[in-house]
Amino acid sequence: MDLEGWSVFFCMAYSIQTLNPLLFLLPLAFSNFLPFDRT
């Protein structure tokens, strides 16, 4: 996993711990706008 993948993973894990819907939507938005390689 590259640095961008780790950053998204950290954001998702942090948002789940804090139960903040806004922080949870951030990595989803970034994954949609930025060309992440999910394969």
N, C-alpha and C. Protein backbone atom coordinates (compact mmCIF):
# COMPACT_ATOMS: atom_id res chain seq x y z
N MET A 1 0.85 -1.19 0.00
CA MET A 1 0.00 0.00 0.00
C MET A 1 0.89 1.25 0.00
N ASP A 2 0.54 2.20 -0.87
CA ASP A 2 1.37 3.40 -0.97
C ASP A 2 0.97 4.42 0.10
N LEU A 3 1.63 5.58 0.09
CA LEU A 3 1.38 6.60 1.11
C LEU A 3 -0.06 7.11 1.04
N GLU A 4 -0.58 7.28 -0.18
CA GLU A 4 -1.95 7.77 -0.32
C GLU A 4 -2.94 6.75 0.22
N GLY A 5 -2.67 5.49 -0.01
CA GLY A 5 -3.55 4.43 0.49
C GLY A 5 -3.56 4.41 2.01
N TRP A 6 -2.37 4.61 2.61
CA TRP A 6 -2.28 4.62 4.06
C TRP A 6 -3.01 5.82 4.64
N SER A 7 -2.91 6.97 3.94
CA SER A 7 -3.57 8.18 4.44
C SER A 7 -5.09 7.99 4.45
N VAL A 8 -5.62 7.35 3.41
CA VAL A 8 -7.06 7.09 3.34
C VAL A 8 -7.46 6.09 4.43
N PHE A 9 -6.63 5.07 4.62
CA PHE A 9 -6.90 4.07 5.65
C PHE A 9 -6.91 4.71 7.03
N PHE A 10 -5.94 5.62 7.28
CA PHE A 10 -5.86 6.30 8.57
C PHE A 10 -7.08 7.19 8.79
N CYS A 11 -7.50 7.89 7.74
CA CYS A 11 -8.67 8.78 7.85
C CYS A 11 -9.92 7.97 8.18
N MET A 12 -10.07 6.83 7.50
CA MET A 12 -11.26 5.99 7.73
C MET A 12 -11.23 5.41 9.15
N ALA A 13 -10.06 4.93 9.57
CA ALA A 13 -9.95 4.35 10.92
C ALA A 13 -10.21 5.42 11.98
N TYR A 14 -9.69 6.63 11.76
CA TYR A 14 -9.87 7.73 12.72
C TYR A 14 -11.33 8.16 12.78
N SER A 15 -11.98 8.18 11.61
CA SER A 15 -13.38 8.60 11.57
C SER A 15 -14.28 7.58 12.26
N ILE A 16 -13.93 6.30 12.13
CA ILE A 16 -14.72 5.26 12.80
C ILE A 16 -14.57 5.37 14.31
N GLN A 17 -13.36 5.70 14.78
CA GLN A 17 -13.15 5.82 16.22
C GLN A 17 -13.88 7.02 16.79
N THR A 18 -13.87 8.12 16.04
CA THR A 18 -14.51 9.35 16.53
C THR A 18 -15.99 9.40 16.18
N LEU A 19 -16.42 8.47 15.30
CA LEU A 19 -17.81 8.44 14.85
C LEU A 19 -18.23 9.79 14.27
N ASN A 20 -17.34 10.39 13.50
CA ASN A 20 -17.63 11.68 12.87
C ASN A 20 -17.97 11.43 11.40
N PRO A 21 -19.23 11.63 11.00
CA PRO A 21 -19.64 11.35 9.62
C PRO A 21 -18.89 12.19 8.60
N LEU A 22 -18.52 13.42 8.98
CA LEU A 22 -17.79 14.28 8.03
C LEU A 22 -16.42 13.71 7.75
N LEU A 23 -15.71 13.26 8.79
CA LEU A 23 -14.39 12.67 8.60
C LEU A 23 -14.50 11.35 7.86
N PHE A 24 -15.64 10.68 8.00
CA PHE A 24 -15.84 9.41 7.31
C PHE A 24 -16.08 9.62 5.82
N LEU A 25 -16.69 10.76 5.47
CA LEU A 25 -16.98 11.05 4.07
C LEU A 25 -15.76 11.61 3.35
N LEU A 26 -14.80 12.17 4.09
CA LEU A 26 -13.61 12.75 3.46
C LEU A 26 -12.82 11.74 2.63
N PRO A 27 -12.41 10.58 3.20
CA PRO A 27 -11.66 9.61 2.40
C PRO A 27 -12.47 9.08 1.22
N LEU A 28 -13.79 9.00 1.38
CA LEU A 28 -14.62 8.55 0.27
C LEU A 28 -14.59 9.56 -0.86
N ALA A 29 -14.61 10.84 -0.51
CA ALA A 29 -14.56 11.90 -1.52
C ALA A 29 -13.20 11.90 -2.22
N PHE A 30 -12.13 11.75 -1.43
CA PHE A 30 -10.78 11.74 -2.01
C PHE A 30 -10.60 10.54 -2.94
N SER A 31 -11.14 9.39 -2.55
CA SER A 31 -11.00 8.18 -3.36
C SER A 31 -11.78 8.32 -4.66
N ASN A 32 -12.81 9.17 -4.66
CA ASN A 32 -13.60 9.39 -5.88
C ASN A 32 -12.93 10.39 -6.81
N PHE A 33 -12.31 11.44 -6.23
CA PHE A 33 -11.71 12.48 -7.05
C PHE A 33 -10.28 12.14 -7.47
N LEU A 34 -9.54 11.43 -6.59
CA LEU A 34 -8.16 11.09 -6.91
C LEU A 34 -8.08 9.69 -7.49
N PRO A 35 -7.19 9.49 -8.46
CA PRO A 35 -7.06 8.18 -9.14
C PRO A 35 -6.33 7.16 -8.28
N PHE A 36 -7.01 6.58 -7.28
CA PHE A 36 -6.40 5.54 -6.47
C PHE A 36 -6.47 4.19 -7.17
N ASP A 37 -5.42 3.42 -7.05
CA ASP A 37 -5.40 2.10 -7.67
C ASP A 37 -5.87 1.06 -6.67
N ARG A 38 -7.11 0.61 -6.80
CA ARG A 38 -7.69 -0.32 -5.84
C ARG A 38 -7.48 -1.79 -6.23
N THR A 39 -6.82 -2.04 -7.34
CA THR A 39 -6.69 -3.42 -7.80
C THR A 39 -5.57 -4.15 -7.12
